[in-house]
Protein backbone atom coordinates (compact mmCIF):
# COMPACT_ATOMS: atom_id res chain seq x y z
CA UNK A 1 143.76 103.69 86.46
CA UNK A 2 143.88 99.90 86.73
CA UNK A 3 147.31 98.59 87.64
CA UNK A 4 148.89 95.37 86.47
CA UNK A 5 151.22 93.35 88.68
CA UNK A 6 153.83 90.76 87.77
CA UNK A 7 153.95 87.32 89.41
CA UNK A 8 156.31 88.36 92.20
CA UNK A 9 154.18 91.36 93.08
CA UNK A 10 151.04 89.23 93.19
CA UNK A 11 152.74 86.74 95.52
CA UNK A 12 153.84 89.52 97.86
CA UNK A 13 150.36 91.01 97.96
CA UNK A 14 148.97 87.62 98.88
CA UNK A 15 151.55 87.36 101.67
CA UNK A 16 150.34 90.72 102.98
CA UNK A 17 146.80 89.35 103.08
CA UNK A 18 148.05 86.21 104.86
CA UNK A 19 149.60 88.44 107.54
CA UNK A 20 146.30 90.24 108.00
CA UNK A 21 144.55 86.87 108.35
CA UNK A 22 146.92 86.10 111.25
CA UNK A 23 146.08 89.38 112.94
CA UNK A 24 149.37 91.03 111.94
CA UNK A 25 149.36 94.46 110.31
CA UNK A 26 151.47 94.03 107.12
CA UNK A 27 152.70 97.60 107.57
CA UNK A 28 153.43 97.35 111.24
CA UNK A 29 153.84 99.48 114.32
CA UNK A 30 156.62 101.47 115.99
CA UNK A 31 159.65 99.51 117.17
CA UNK A 32 162.06 100.89 119.75
CA UNK A 33 165.67 100.12 118.83
CA UNK A 34 168.53 99.96 121.32
CA UNK A 35 171.30 99.39 118.79
CA UNK A 36 172.12 99.47 115.09
CA UNK A 37 174.68 97.90 112.78
CA UNK A 38 177.30 100.56 113.52
CA UNK A 39 176.97 100.62 117.29
CA UNK A 40 177.23 96.82 117.44
CA UNK A 41 180.32 96.76 115.23
CA UNK A 42 181.90 99.62 117.16
CA UNK A 43 181.39 97.94 120.53
CA UNK A 44 181.92 94.29 119.64
CA UNK A 45 183.84 94.26 116.37
CA UNK A 46 187.22 93.53 117.96
CA UNK A 47 185.98 90.97 120.51
CA UNK A 48 186.22 87.21 120.20
CA UNK A 49 183.25 84.84 120.25
CA UNK A 50 183.99 84.02 123.89
CA UNK A 51 184.36 87.66 124.96
CA UNK A 52 181.05 88.55 123.33
CA UNK A 53 179.31 85.60 124.98
CA UNK A 54 180.71 86.65 128.36
CA UNK A 55 179.26 90.15 127.98
CA UNK A 56 175.81 88.61 127.31
CA UNK A 57 174.30 91.79 125.79
CA UNK A 58 170.73 91.89 124.47
CA UNK A 59 169.88 94.37 121.69
CA UNK A 60 166.87 95.44 119.70
CA UNK A 61 167.65 96.07 116.05
CA UNK A 62 165.58 96.75 112.96
CA UNK A 63 166.14 97.08 109.24
CA UNK A 64 165.42 95.87 105.74
CA UNK A 65 166.11 92.24 104.80
CA UNK A 66 168.86 92.28 102.17
CA UNK A 67 169.68 88.58 102.05
CA UNK A 68 168.10 85.41 103.38
CA UNK A 69 169.53 81.89 103.59
CA UNK A 70 167.50 79.19 105.28
CA UNK A 71 168.91 75.81 106.33
CA UNK A 72 166.11 73.72 107.79
CA UNK A 73 165.34 75.08 111.24
CA UNK A 74 167.97 77.82 111.00
CA UNK A 75 167.82 81.02 108.98
CA UNK A 76 170.60 83.54 108.33
CA UNK A 77 169.65 87.04 107.23
CA UNK A 78 171.36 90.34 106.70
CA UNK A 79 169.35 93.43 107.53
CA UNK A 80 170.34 96.93 106.47
CA UNK A 81 169.90 100.18 108.38
CA UNK A 82 171.24 103.63 107.59
CA UNK A 83 174.78 102.74 108.69
CA UNK A 84 175.23 99.34 107.05
CA UNK A 85 174.32 95.68 107.49
CA UNK A 86 174.35 93.20 110.33
CA UNK A 87 173.74 89.43 110.22
CA UNK A 88 170.85 87.81 112.06
CA UNK A 89 170.86 84.20 113.18
CA UNK A 90 167.32 82.87 113.67
CA UNK A 91 166.77 79.46 115.26
CA UNK A 92 163.28 77.98 115.15
CA UNK A 93 163.82 76.45 118.59
CA UNK A 94 164.59 79.91 120.01
CA UNK A 95 161.92 82.10 118.37
CA UNK A 96 159.15 79.48 118.29
CA UNK A 97 157.22 77.82 115.50
CA UNK A 98 154.75 80.65 114.91
CA UNK A 99 157.47 83.27 114.51
CA UNK A 100 159.54 80.93 112.37
CA UNK A 101 156.63 80.63 109.94
CA UNK A 102 156.85 84.40 109.54
CA UNK A 103 160.58 84.05 108.90
CA UNK A 104 159.94 81.46 106.21
CA UNK A 105 157.31 83.65 104.52
CA UNK A 106 159.44 86.80 104.62
CA UNK A 107 160.91 88.32 101.47
CA UNK A 108 164.07 90.26 100.71
CA UNK A 109 163.02 93.89 101.07
CA UNK A 110 160.73 93.35 104.06
CA UNK A 111 161.45 95.42 107.16
CA UNK A 112 161.71 93.54 110.44
CA UNK A 113 162.63 93.98 114.09
CA UNK A 114 164.77 91.55 116.08
CA UNK A 115 165.36 91.18 119.79
CA UNK A 116 168.36 89.04 120.58
CA UNK A 117 171.88 88.80 121.90
CA UNK A 118 175.06 89.93 120.21
CA UNK A 119 176.81 86.85 118.94
CA UNK A 120 179.69 85.75 116.77
CA UNK A 121 179.28 82.70 114.53
CA UNK A 122 181.81 79.88 114.49
CA UNK A 123 184.95 80.44 112.39
CA UNK A 124 184.83 79.30 108.76
CA UNK A 125 187.02 79.43 105.68
CA UNK A 126 185.09 82.45 104.45
CA UNK A 127 185.24 84.20 107.82
CA UNK A 128 188.05 82.87 110.05
CA UNK A 129 186.92 85.01 113.00
CA UNK A 130 183.26 84.19 112.63
CA UNK A 131 180.69 86.82 111.65
CA UNK A 132 179.41 89.36 114.15
CA UNK A 133 175.66 88.75 114.40
CA UNK A 134 172.51 89.04 116.48
CA UNK A 135 171.12 85.71 117.72
CA UNK A 136 167.36 86.23 117.68
CA UNK A 137 165.03 85.47 120.57
CA UNK A 138 162.12 87.39 119.05
CA UNK A 139 161.22 88.10 115.40
CA UNK A 140 158.82 90.98 114.68
CA UNK A 141 157.39 91.74 111.26
CA UNK A 142 157.31 95.52 110.69
CA UNK A 143 156.56 96.30 107.04
CA UNK A 144 155.86 94.24 103.93
CA UNK A 145 157.68 95.14 100.71
CA UNK A 146 155.20 94.68 97.87
CA UNK A 147 157.86 95.15 95.19
CA UNK A 148 161.07 93.10 94.91
CA UNK A 149 164.41 94.86 95.07
CA UNK A 150 166.66 94.83 91.98
CA UNK A 151 168.78 91.72 91.50
CA UNK A 152 171.54 91.98 94.12
CA UNK A 153 174.62 91.42 91.95
CA UNK A 154 173.77 94.16 89.47
CA UNK A 155 171.65 96.49 91.54
CA UNK A 156 169.93 99.45 89.95
CA UNK A 157 172.24 99.93 86.99
CA UNK A 158 170.13 102.22 84.77
CA UNK A 159 171.44 105.69 85.64
CA UNK A 160 168.19 107.47 84.76
CA UNK A 161 166.20 105.04 86.92
CA UNK A 162 168.64 105.58 89.79
CA UNK A 163 167.74 109.27 89.78
CA UNK A 164 164.02 108.71 89.25
CA UNK A 165 163.78 106.08 91.98
CA UNK A 166 166.30 107.45 94.45
CA UNK A 167 164.58 105.51 97.22
CA UNK A 168 165.66 102.25 95.56
CA UNK A 169 169.07 103.68 94.68
CA UNK A 170 169.73 104.48 98.35
CA UNK A 171 168.83 100.92 99.34
CA UNK A 172 171.06 99.29 96.72
CA UNK A 173 173.92 101.75 96.19
CA UNK A 174 176.37 102.46 99.00
CA UNK A 175 177.94 105.33 97.04
CA UNK A 176 174.61 107.10 96.72
CA UNK A 177 174.03 106.69 100.43
CA UNK A 178 177.53 108.01 101.19
CA UNK A 179 176.87 111.19 99.20
CA UNK A 180 173.39 111.60 100.71
CA UNK A 181 174.90 111.69 104.22
CA UNK A 182 177.96 113.71 103.15
CA UNK A 183 175.92 116.63 101.82
CA UNK A 184 174.33 117.67 105.15
CA UNK A 185 177.71 117.39 106.84
CA UNK A 186 179.14 119.83 104.28
CA UNK A 187 176.26 122.25 104.80
CA UNK A 188 176.65 122.03 108.57
CA UNK A 189 180.38 122.75 108.22
CA UNK A 190 179.58 125.83 106.10
CA UNK A 191 177.15 127.07 108.75
CA UNK A 192 179.64 126.49 111.56
CA UNK A 193 182.36 128.34 109.64
CA UNK A 194 180.24 131.41 108.94
CA UNK A 195 178.69 131.39 112.41
CA UNK A 196 182.17 131.38 113.94
CA UNK A 197 182.90 134.61 112.07
CA UNK A 198 179.90 136.34 113.60
CA UNK A 199 177.61 136.12 110.57
CA UNK A 200 173.90 135.53 111.17
CA UNK A 201 171.92 132.99 109.14
CA UNK A 202 168.68 134.50 107.80
CA UNK A 203 165.80 133.66 105.47
CA UNK A 204 164.53 135.84 102.63
CA UNK A 205 161.54 135.50 100.27
CA UNK A 206 161.46 132.84 97.58
CA UNK A 207 158.66 134.66 95.74
CA UNK A 208 160.08 137.89 94.31
CA UNK A 209 157.98 140.64 92.69
CA UNK A 210 161.01 141.95 90.75
CA UNK A 211 163.66 140.02 88.82
CA UNK A 212 167.11 140.80 90.16
CA UNK A 213 170.32 139.73 91.86
CA UNK A 214 171.69 137.81 88.87
CA UNK A 215 171.41 137.46 85.12
CA UNK A 216 169.20 134.43 84.52
CA UNK A 217 165.86 133.39 83.11
CA UNK A 218 163.23 133.02 85.84
CA UNK A 219 160.29 130.77 86.58
CA UNK A 220 157.11 132.80 86.98
CA UNK A 221 153.99 132.11 89.00
CA UNK A 222 150.73 133.93 89.66
CA UNK A 223 149.55 135.11 93.07
CA UNK A 224 145.75 134.96 92.93
CA UNK A 225 144.98 137.18 95.94
CA UNK A 226 147.19 139.99 94.62
CA UNK A 227 146.46 139.18 90.96
CA UNK A 228 150.15 139.67 90.29
CA UNK A 229 152.97 137.75 88.65
CA UNK A 230 155.88 136.72 90.87
CA UNK A 231 159.26 135.17 90.13
CA UNK A 232 160.81 132.24 91.91
CA UNK A 233 164.03 133.84 93.08
CA UNK A 234 167.14 133.58 90.92
CA UNK A 235 169.34 134.96 93.71
CA UNK A 236 169.12 135.99 97.37
CA UNK A 237 171.43 138.98 96.93
CA UNK A 238 169.23 142.06 96.99
CA UNK A 239 167.26 141.12 100.10
CA UNK A 240 170.43 140.20 101.97
CA UNK A 241 172.02 143.55 101.14
CA UNK A 242 168.91 145.30 102.44
CA UNK A 243 169.73 143.66 105.77
CA UNK A 244 173.22 145.14 105.64
CA UNK A 245 171.58 148.56 105.18
CA UNK A 246 169.44 147.70 108.20
CA UNK A 247 172.53 147.26 110.35
CA UNK A 248 172.82 143.47 110.67
CA UNK A 249 176.43 143.84 109.39
CA UNK A 250 177.09 140.17 108.61
CA UNK A 251 174.44 137.83 107.16
CA UNK A 252 174.22 134.67 105.09
CA UNK A 253 171.52 132.48 103.63
CA UNK A 254 171.62 128.89 102.44
CA UNK A 255 168.73 128.50 100.08
CA UNK A 256 167.24 127.17 96.89
CA UNK A 257 167.40 129.24 93.72
CA UNK A 258 165.41 128.63 90.54
CA UNK A 259 166.56 129.34 86.99
CA UNK A 260 164.52 128.44 83.93
CA UNK A 261 167.46 127.18 81.93
CA UNK A 262 168.98 123.98 80.55
CA UNK A 263 170.05 120.85 82.39
CA UNK A 264 173.43 119.14 82.13
CA UNK A 265 176.11 117.62 84.36
CA UNK A 266 176.58 120.94 86.19
CA UNK A 267 173.13 122.55 86.00
CA UNK A 268 169.72 121.79 87.50
CA UNK A 269 166.76 124.20 87.33
CA UNK A 270 166.64 124.37 91.13
CA UNK A 271 169.89 124.42 93.06
CA UNK A 272 171.35 125.54 96.38
CA UNK A 273 173.73 128.36 97.16
CA UNK A 274 175.08 130.15 100.18
CA UNK A 275 175.32 133.92 99.87
CA UNK A 276 177.14 135.95 102.52
CA UNK A 277 177.51 139.71 102.99
CA UNK A 278 179.88 141.43 105.41
CA UNK A 279 179.81 145.13 106.20
CA UNK A 280 183.11 147.03 106.10
CA UNK A 281 184.67 144.32 103.95
CA UNK A 282 185.61 144.22 100.27
CA UNK A 283 186.81 141.91 97.50
CA UNK A 284 189.99 141.07 99.39
CA UNK A 285 187.94 140.16 102.45
CA UNK A 286 185.74 137.90 100.34
CA UNK A 287 188.83 136.14 98.93
CA UNK A 288 189.99 135.40 102.46
CA UNK A 289 186.50 134.29 103.52
CA UNK A 290 186.30 131.98 100.49
CA UNK A 291 189.75 130.46 101.00
CA UNK A 292 189.08 129.90 104.68
CA UNK A 293 185.67 128.36 104.03
CA UNK A 294 186.84 125.88 101.37
CA UNK A 295 189.90 124.86 103.39
CA UNK A 296 187.95 124.55 106.64
CA UNK A 297 185.03 122.57 105.19
CA UNK A 298 187.31 120.12 103.36
CA UNK A 299 189.40 119.59 106.50
CA UNK A 300 186.39 119.02 108.76
CA UNK A 301 184.46 116.79 106.36
CA UNK A 302 187.25 114.86 104.62
CA UNK A 303 190.18 115.35 106.98
CA UNK A 304 192.34 116.71 104.13
CA UNK A 305 192.61 119.67 101.75
CA UNK A 306 193.96 117.48 98.94
CA UNK A 307 191.09 116.61 96.62
CA UNK A 308 191.37 113.95 93.93
CA UNK A 309 189.43 115.10 90.90
CA UNK A 310 189.64 113.42 87.52
CA UNK A 311 193.20 112.31 86.92
CA UNK A 312 194.88 114.81 89.22
CA UNK A 313 194.87 116.19 92.77
CA UNK A 314 194.18 119.79 93.70
CA UNK A 315 194.84 121.53 97.02
CA UNK A 316 192.21 123.64 98.75
CA UNK A 317 194.80 125.03 101.13
CA UNK A 318 195.01 128.83 101.07
CA UNK A 319 196.11 131.01 99.39
CA UNK A 320 194.53 130.46 95.98
CA UNK A 321 196.02 131.68 92.70
CA UNK A 322 194.73 134.96 91.18
CA UNK A 323 194.32 135.80 87.47
CA UNK A 324 192.91 138.95 85.87
CA UNK A 325 190.19 138.11 83.35
CA UNK A 326 191.37 140.57 80.71
CA UNK A 327 195.01 139.47 81.10
CA UNK A 328 193.89 135.87 80.48
CA UNK A 329 192.05 136.90 77.30
CA UNK A 330 195.02 139.00 76.17
CA UNK A 331 197.32 136.04 76.57
CA UNK A 332 195.08 133.74 74.53
CA UNK A 333 194.34 136.20 71.73
CA UNK A 334 197.63 138.11 71.55
CA UNK A 335 195.66 141.38 71.70
CA UNK A 336 195.39 144.09 74.36
CA UNK A 337 191.72 144.37 75.28
CA UNK A 338 192.39 147.39 77.48
CA UNK A 339 193.45 149.30 74.38
CA UNK A 340 191.33 148.05 71.52
CA UNK A 341 188.44 149.48 69.51
CA UNK A 342 185.02 147.88 69.59
CA UNK A 343 185.31 147.03 65.89
CA UNK A 344 188.65 145.27 66.46
CA UNK A 345 187.23 143.37 69.45
CA UNK A 346 184.24 142.22 67.40
CA UNK A 347 186.62 141.00 64.71
CA UNK A 348 188.62 138.98 67.25
CA UNK A 349 185.41 137.42 68.54
CA UNK A 350 184.42 136.48 64.99
CA UNK A 351 187.87 134.93 64.39
CA UNK A 352 187.21 132.59 67.31
CA UNK A 353 183.74 131.61 66.14
CA UNK A 354 181.82 133.67 68.69
CA UNK A 355 178.47 134.90 67.42
CA UNK A 356 177.55 138.01 69.38
CA UNK A 357 173.94 138.47 70.48
CA UNK A 358 172.21 141.78 69.80
CA UNK A 359 172.85 143.04 73.34
CA UNK A 360 176.49 141.90 73.39
CA UNK A 361 178.03 144.51 71.07
CA UNK A 362 180.19 146.11 73.74
CA UNK A 363 183.71 145.46 74.95
CA UNK A 364 182.66 143.93 78.26
CA UNK A 365 180.49 141.18 76.80
CA UNK A 366 183.14 140.37 74.19
CA UNK A 367 185.86 139.98 76.85
CA UNK A 368 183.56 137.71 78.85
CA UNK A 369 182.59 135.62 75.79
CA UNK A 370 186.26 135.20 74.81
CA UNK A 371 187.18 134.22 78.36
CA UNK A 372 184.46 131.56 78.46
CA UNK A 373 185.44 130.24 75.03
CA UNK A 374 189.23 130.33 75.30
CA UNK A 375 190.27 130.46 78.95
CA UNK A 376 187.67 128.93 81.24
CA UNK A 377 188.63 125.28 80.81
CA UNK A 378 192.27 126.11 81.63
CA UNK A 379 191.32 127.41 85.08
CA UNK A 380 192.35 124.25 86.94
CA UNK A 381 192.67 126.16 90.17
CA UNK A 382 191.57 126.85 92.62
CA UNK A 383 191.99 130.28 91.05
CA UNK A 384 190.31 133.63 91.59
CA UNK A 385 189.50 135.23 88.22
CA UNK A 386 188.98 138.94 88.90
CA UNK A 387 188.40 142.23 87.12
CA UNK A 388 185.13 141.58 85.29
CA UNK A 389 183.85 144.23 82.84
CA UNK A 390 181.17 146.58 84.14
CA UNK A 391 178.65 145.51 81.46
CA UNK A 392 178.34 142.00 82.95
CA UNK A 393 178.52 143.09 86.61
CA UNK A 394 175.54 145.34 87.40
CA UNK A 395 175.85 144.93 91.18
CA UNK A 396 179.61 145.22 91.66
CA UNK A 397 181.57 148.36 92.51
CA UNK A 398 183.69 149.97 89.81
CA UNK A 399 187.44 149.53 89.93
CA UNK A 400 188.69 153.02 90.92
CA UNK A 401 191.81 152.49 88.79
CA UNK A 402 189.81 151.63 85.65
CA UNK A 403 186.02 152.18 85.86
CA UNK A 404 185.45 150.01 82.78
CA UNK A 405 185.98 147.06 85.10
CA UNK A 406 184.64 146.03 88.51
CA UNK A 407 185.85 144.74 91.84
CA UNK A 408 184.57 141.23 91.26
CA UNK A 409 185.96 137.70 91.20
CA UNK A 410 184.81 134.21 90.34
CA UNK A 411 186.42 131.14 91.85
CA UNK A 412 187.24 128.45 89.30
CA UNK A 413 188.23 124.85 89.95
CA UNK A 414 188.73 122.48 87.01
CA UNK A 415 187.19 124.97 84.61
CA UNK A 416 184.00 125.25 86.66
CA UNK A 417 182.78 128.30 88.55
CA UNK A 418 182.29 127.69 92.26
CA UNK A 419 181.87 131.19 93.67
CA UNK A 420 181.09 134.74 92.60
CA UNK A 421 182.00 137.75 94.76
CA UNK A 422 182.01 141.55 94.69
CA UNK A 423 183.02 144.62 96.48
CA UNK A 424 179.36 145.55 96.56
CA UNK A 425 178.05 148.58 94.73
CA UNK A 426 176.70 150.88 97.44
CA UNK A 427 176.33 154.07 95.39
CA UNK A 428 172.57 154.44 94.77
CA UNK A 429 173.06 156.84 91.85
CA UNK A 430 175.41 154.43 90.09
CA UNK A 431 173.11 151.52 90.93
CA UNK A 432 170.12 153.30 89.39
CA UNK A 433 172.10 153.86 86.19
CA UNK A 434 173.17 150.20 86.11
CA UNK A 435 169.54 149.10 86.42
CA UNK A 436 168.62 151.45 83.56
CA UNK A 437 171.34 149.86 81.42
CA UNK A 438 169.92 146.44 82.27
CA UNK A 439 166.50 147.60 81.05
CA UNK A 440 168.08 148.72 77.78
CA UNK A 441 169.75 145.30 77.43
CA UNK A 442 166.36 143.64 78.03
CA UNK A 443 164.85 145.75 75.23
CA UNK A 444 167.64 144.50 72.95
CA UNK A 445 166.68 140.90 73.65
CA UNK A 446 168.66 139.98 76.77
CA UNK A 447 166.09 137.77 78.53
CA UNK A 448 168.45 137.38 81.51
CA UNK A 449 168.83 141.11 82.25
CA UNK A 450 167.70 142.45 85.63
CA UNK A 451 164.68 144.69 86.16
CA UNK A 452 164.57 148.06 87.91
CA UNK A 453 164.30 147.49 91.67
CA UNK A 454 163.51 150.99 92.88
CA UNK A 455 162.98 149.83 96.46
CA UNK A 456 166.53 148.49 96.52
CA UNK A 457 167.83 151.80 95.17
CA UNK A 458 165.90 153.60 97.92
CA UNK A 459 167.43 151.25 100.49
CA UNK A 460 170.90 152.23 99.27
CA UNK A 461 169.90 155.90 99.58
CA UNK A 462 169.66 155.37 103.34
CA UNK A 463 173.34 154.40 103.23
CA UNK A 464 174.98 150.99 102.96
CA UNK A 465 178.46 150.68 104.44
CA UNK A 466 181.31 149.44 102.24
CA UNK A 467 180.47 145.75 101.91
CA UNK A 468 181.86 142.53 100.52
CA UNK A 469 179.55 139.82 99.24
CA UNK A 470 179.94 136.28 97.92
CA UNK A 471 177.78 133.50 96.54
CA UNK A 472 178.98 129.88 96.53
CA UNK A 473 177.33 126.96 94.73
CA UNK A 474 176.74 124.31 97.36
CA UNK A 475 175.82 121.58 94.87
CA UNK A 476 179.14 122.04 93.06
CA UNK A 477 181.07 122.11 96.33
CA UNK A 478 179.42 118.83 97.32
CA UNK A 479 180.31 117.41 93.88
CA UNK A 480 183.94 118.40 94.42
CA UNK A 481 184.22 116.93 97.91
CA UNK A 482 182.21 113.82 97.02
CA UNK A 483 184.37 113.13 93.95
CA UNK A 484 181.58 113.10 91.36
CA UNK A 485 181.21 115.05 88.11
CA UNK A 486 177.40 115.05 87.92
CA UNK A 487 175.10 117.38 89.85
CA UNK A 488 172.43 114.68 89.75
CA UNK A 489 174.54 112.53 92.05
CA UNK A 490 174.43 115.18 94.81
CA UNK A 491 170.74 116.07 94.50
CA UNK A 492 168.46 113.50 96.08
CA UNK A 493 165.71 114.26 93.57
CA UNK A 494 167.10 116.02 90.47
CA UNK A 495 164.77 117.42 87.83
CA UNK A 496 164.17 114.76 85.16
CA UNK A 497 162.65 114.68 81.71
CA UNK A 498 159.43 112.65 81.44
CA UNK A 499 159.98 108.97 80.81
CA UNK A 500 160.48 108.26 77.15
CA UNK A 501 162.08 111.67 76.45
CA UNK A 502 165.57 110.87 77.80
């Protein structure tokens, strides 16, 4: 395909050829740095011009040219590295005529290396202290930018283009860069928290021969050697619980999941969760683990448990509020869903505009649908919503006080689910029956129902200790701590529609 270039791109390509003609590789070689913008500011930021001069420190810095202002035989630039920007002062008399020609020919966006001494410019009205800088003795071209950066005052303002061209977004947008570096710190804090409790981080297969672990539509792929269809995993649950059977006692996995569903501010087809399972624990243990994790991660990453979200502040300090799902529905509808006929429940659903799917004509699905329609957005939280009906919880243990419900909770914050946890079902006979019920739901048109995983049932037949398990959405946790309401802001490369279909 023949490409067309605009005038600026043509000029930059010619400059690349001019560099080659001078024996300089336009795309450079390695450059060993001894300092960066942050280390210079940390060490010299509070020193005067005279104190800096007395220290007489030479540094090697590198980065992308973000601004350039030439005044005759002097040039002032700002270069940007991962931590910020630092000014360069380049004097033709110091670097030499040949190097200064390279300075003159350089473009904003080019990547350069500088060897020079830390320096503070003379005071001015704009900067009464003078600007902390590097006074260059050597100028080294490292990489030519063949495309110009967006206009500096407006940056990359098209939101869709920001996500498509994240590489440009990270150059131009400090907020995007902040979130990009915040996310790994959050994940590391999660790992440290779970490690400190004796849990072991593991890896399980992404390609699954059987659909299970959650109710969701999968992506499918074909394995040629086995001539068999596989699913990209929708959950890590069933493999992790096999490890509990195997005696590992406490395990967790941070991994990508894939669900062939819609995209919006809170959903992306591939996303990241952490799932943890602890032998000899239960739902109460998972509540404590969850409270501790959220409080600990917020404290370590942000230095506070008070999170500003929307127009209010929430506290992630334990303990969190607890609400029974059926009680919440009862309060909204004025009916008692523990003592109601199926026909009456269906009528209540119809009153509230809920159209039941073919597989949803049971009390459990109706309670869940009513909760999502009437109650979910009121769960400001953080709040544990517990007591889910058995029909929507095929992997959770029955509530011994009322077997129509399960020992399960979801954590809600601002009407959004952040975590899902069970006292795990470890009865293989009950589990087999639940899988059979899921197959019946699939026959009735539930495309998200699980399949029969007979190997998992056999694993339970060897004996799984009483166990608590939890799954937490990492993308949503990052959104909460980063203060953004879009999942695309916390994914470096979110799934996008083709251009022209936005």
